[in-house]
Amino acid sequence: MKLAELIQFFRNGGSYEEFCQTQSLDTKSEVVEIYMEQPLKIDNNLAFFEIEKTEGNIEYSYNGIKYSNLFDFYYFLDAIEESNNDDNQALSNEELTKLLYNYAINDA
């Protein structure tokens, strides 16, 4: 799954519980973190890990693939909620993808 697909899923009404179930993630985890395959590029695949597995590391290797942490799911869900409010509804999924990606690589 790519960042644009994740954004589309949640902006189209997908739920966190449903997402966790399809990704075999523990909804009781303290937090699920969103990682991207290295080297970071906006269209790279994402991976999702419970913080209990990554121990909060910025970089994490899984099945021989190196990942970088973009942000946690709480931040992501807040961004989705903000993007759906009246002031930001005109923001396209593509624009939101670019904003979140740029935030992750420049500000996080």
Protein backbone atom coordinates (compact mmCIF):
# COMPACT_ATOMS: atom_id res chain seq x y z
CA MET A 1 0.00 0.00 0.00
CA LYS A 2 1.21 3.48 -0.83
CA LEU A 3 0.54 6.70 1.09
CA ALA A 4 -1.97 7.90 -1.52
CA GLU A 5 -3.92 4.63 -1.18
CA LEU A 6 -3.92 4.89 2.60
CA ILE A 7 -5.27 8.43 2.41
CA GLN A 8 -7.96 7.40 -0.07
CA PHE A 9 -9.06 4.50 2.15
CA PHE A 10 -9.56 6.74 5.18
CA ARG A 11 -11.01 9.73 3.33
CA ASN A 12 -13.59 7.36 1.84
CA GLY A 13 -14.79 6.38 5.30
CA GLY A 14 -12.56 3.42 6.15
CA SER A 15 -12.22 2.77 9.87
CA TYR A 16 -9.08 2.26 11.92
CA GLU A 17 -10.42 -1.03 13.30
CA GLU A 18 -11.20 -2.32 9.81
CA PHE A 19 -7.76 -1.28 8.58
CA CYS A 20 -5.98 -2.95 11.50
CA GLN A 21 -7.94 -6.12 10.92
CA THR A 22 -7.02 -6.30 7.22
CA GLN A 23 -3.35 -5.60 8.06
CA SER A 24 -3.26 -8.06 11.00
CA LEU A 25 -2.40 -5.25 13.41
CA ASP A 26 -3.19 -5.27 17.12
CA THR A 27 -5.79 -2.57 17.82
CA LYS A 28 -4.81 -2.76 21.49
CA SER A 29 -1.26 -1.63 20.69
CA GLU A 30 -0.16 1.60 22.35
CA VAL A 31 0.30 3.00 18.85
CA VAL A 32 0.71 1.71 15.31
CA GLU A 33 3.42 3.47 13.36
CA ILE A 34 3.52 4.12 9.62
CA TYR A 35 6.82 3.32 7.93
CA MET A 36 7.99 3.73 4.34
CA GLU A 37 10.52 1.66 2.40
CA GLN A 38 13.93 3.26 2.05
CA PRO A 39 15.14 5.25 0.24
CA LEU A 40 12.16 7.51 0.83
CA LYS A 41 10.12 8.36 -2.27
CA ILE A 42 6.51 9.48 -2.26
CA ASP A 43 5.32 6.37 -4.14
CA ASN A 44 7.19 3.81 -2.04
CA ASN A 45 5.33 1.06 -0.22
CA LEU A 46 4.27 1.55 3.36
CA ALA A 47 4.44 -0.88 6.23
CA PHE A 48 2.64 -0.73 9.54
CA PHE A 49 4.11 -1.90 12.83
CA GLU A 50 3.03 -1.80 16.44
CA ILE A 51 5.40 0.32 18.54
CA GLU A 52 5.96 -2.71 20.74
CA LYS A 53 7.77 -4.31 17.78
CA THR A 54 9.76 -1.28 16.58
CA GLU A 55 10.46 0.10 20.06
CA GLY A 56 9.94 3.55 18.53
CA ASN A 57 13.00 3.34 16.28
CA ILE A 58 13.14 5.78 13.38
CA GLU A 59 14.56 3.04 11.15
CA TYR A 60 13.33 -0.53 11.24
CA SER A 61 14.22 -3.62 9.21
CA TYR A 62 11.67 -6.31 8.49
CA ASN A 63 12.05 -9.28 6.14
CA GLY A 64 15.28 -7.80 4.79
CA ILE A 65 13.66 -4.46 3.89
CA LYS A 66 14.70 -1.21 5.55
CA TYR A 67 11.97 1.22 6.54
CA SER A 68 11.87 4.77 7.88
CA ASN A 69 9.20 5.97 10.27
CA LEU A 70 6.92 8.62 8.77
CA PHE A 71 4.52 9.22 11.68
CA ASP A 72 2.18 7.38 13.98
CA PHE A 73 -1.40 6.50 13.15
CA TYR A 74 -2.82 9.03 15.65
CA TYR A 75 -1.14 11.86 13.75
CA PHE A 76 -2.30 10.40 10.44
CA LEU A 77 -5.92 10.05 11.60
CA ASP A 78 -5.90 13.63 12.93
CA ALA A 79 -4.65 14.82 9.52
CA ILE A 80 -7.43 12.90 7.78
CA GLU A 81 -10.02 14.40 10.12
CA GLU A 82 -8.65 17.90 9.50
CA SER A 83 -8.66 17.31 5.74
CA ASN A 84 -12.36 16.51 5.88
CA ASN A 85 -13.41 19.70 7.67
CA ASP A 86 -15.06 22.53 5.76
CA ASP A 87 -11.88 24.59 5.34
CA ASN A 88 -9.86 21.75 3.84
CA GLN A 89 -12.39 19.64 1.93
CA ALA A 90 -11.21 21.08 -1.38
CA LEU A 91 -7.80 19.53 -0.75
CA SER A 92 -7.39 16.60 -3.13
CA ASN A 93 -6.02 13.23 -2.04
CA GLU A 94 -2.93 13.93 -4.14
CA GLU A 95 -2.37 17.30 -2.44
CA LEU A 96 -2.82 15.74 0.99
CA THR A 97 -0.39 12.96 0.08
CA LYS A 98 2.25 15.54 -0.85
CA LEU A 99 1.62 17.55 2.33
CA LEU A 100 1.90 14.54 4.63
CA TYR A 101 4.96 13.18 2.83
CA ASN A 102 6.73 16.54 2.99
CA TYR A 103 5.87 16.88 6.66
CA ALA A 104 7.30 13.42 7.38
CA ILE A 105 10.60 13.93 5.59
CA ASN A 106 11.18 17.58 6.54
CA ASP A 107 9.50 18.30 9.86
CA ALA A 108 9.05 15.09 11.78
